[in-house]
Protein backbone atom coordinates (compact mmCIF):
# COMPACT_ATOMS: atom_id res chain seq x y z
CA MET A 1 -103.77 65.24 193.69
CA GLN A 2 -104.76 68.00 196.89
CA LYS A 3 -102.00 70.26 197.79
CA GLU A 4 -101.00 70.20 201.08
CA LEU A 5 -101.51 73.69 202.59
CA ILE A 6 -98.44 74.24 204.86
CA THR A 7 -96.79 77.67 206.12
CA GLU A 8 -93.22 78.14 205.38
CA PHE A 9 -92.06 77.54 208.27
CA GLY A 10 -93.97 74.42 208.77
CA TYR A 11 -92.66 72.73 205.26
CA LYS A 12 -88.96 73.58 206.35
CA ARG A 13 -89.67 71.72 209.44
CA PHE A 14 -90.38 68.79 207.17
CA VAL A 15 -87.72 68.96 205.30
CA LYS A 16 -85.85 69.79 208.10
CA GLU A 17 -86.68 66.44 209.76
CA PHE A 18 -86.64 64.21 206.37
CA LYS A 19 -82.98 65.02 205.96
CA GLN A 20 -81.99 64.39 209.79
CA LEU A 21 -84.41 60.76 209.29
CA ALA A 22 -82.76 59.86 205.66
CA GLU A 23 -79.47 60.64 205.99
CA VAL A 24 -78.39 60.07 210.44
CA GLU A 25 -81.37 57.72 211.65
CA LYS A 26 -81.99 55.24 209.29
CA PRO A 27 -78.58 54.45 208.57
CA TYR A 28 -77.46 53.82 212.02
CA TRP A 29 -80.68 51.82 212.18
CA VAL A 30 -79.74 49.79 209.45
CA LYS A 31 -76.03 49.46 210.69
CA GLU A 32 -77.39 48.38 214.17
CA LYS A 33 -79.25 45.82 211.84
CA GLU A 34 -76.34 44.78 210.47
CA ILE A 35 -74.41 44.32 213.67
CA ALA A 36 -77.43 42.65 215.32
CA ALA A 37 -78.05 40.00 212.74
CA GLN A 38 -74.04 38.77 213.32
CA HIS A 39 -75.24 37.66 216.83
CA GLY A 40 -76.61 34.76 215.48
CA ASP A 41 -80.14 33.55 215.64
CA ARG A 42 -82.24 36.19 214.03
CA SER A 43 -85.57 34.58 215.42
CA GLU A 44 -85.04 35.15 218.82
CA ASN A 45 -82.42 37.99 218.78
CA ALA A 46 -84.19 41.21 220.45
CA GLU A 47 -81.33 43.46 219.01
CA TYR A 48 -82.20 42.58 215.30
CA ILE A 49 -85.64 42.79 216.02
CA SER A 50 -85.67 45.97 217.49
CA ALA A 51 -83.69 47.56 214.67
CA LYS A 52 -86.16 45.87 212.09
CA GLU A 53 -88.86 47.48 213.51
CA MET A 54 -87.60 50.92 214.29
CA ILE A 55 -86.34 51.16 210.87
CA ARG A 56 -89.62 50.10 209.04
CA ASN A 57 -90.69 52.91 210.96
CA LEU A 58 -88.59 55.20 209.81
CA ASP A 59 -89.83 54.79 206.47
CA LYS A 60 -93.60 55.11 207.49
CA ARG A 61 -92.47 58.45 208.34
CA LEU A 62 -90.25 58.75 205.84
CA ARG A 63 -92.98 57.96 202.88
CA PHE A 64 -95.43 60.08 205.00
CA LEU A 65 -93.08 63.47 204.62
CA GLU A 66 -92.39 62.66 201.75
CA LYS A 67 -95.92 62.85 201.06
CA ILE A 68 -96.98 65.95 202.40
CA ILE A 69 -93.24 68.12 201.13
CA ASN A 70 -94.20 66.44 197.40
CA ASN A 71 -97.94 68.52 197.87
CA SER A 72 -97.09 71.16 199.33
CA THR A 73 -94.74 72.24 196.70
């Protein structure tokens, strides 16, 4: 695989964003999904669907950032 060429500042920024998403944002949305799931029918539960979509988007971003971080070191 080809190494990503990024500055040290850029690398630190990606690492900081990765940690924020992994340690703060994702646990928050997982908890929100759990709370929304307790409200009943999930197929019509807007909060549940929204939280599930947010987790999916966070996972995509985390995979992207992980790939950049791993390929730049």
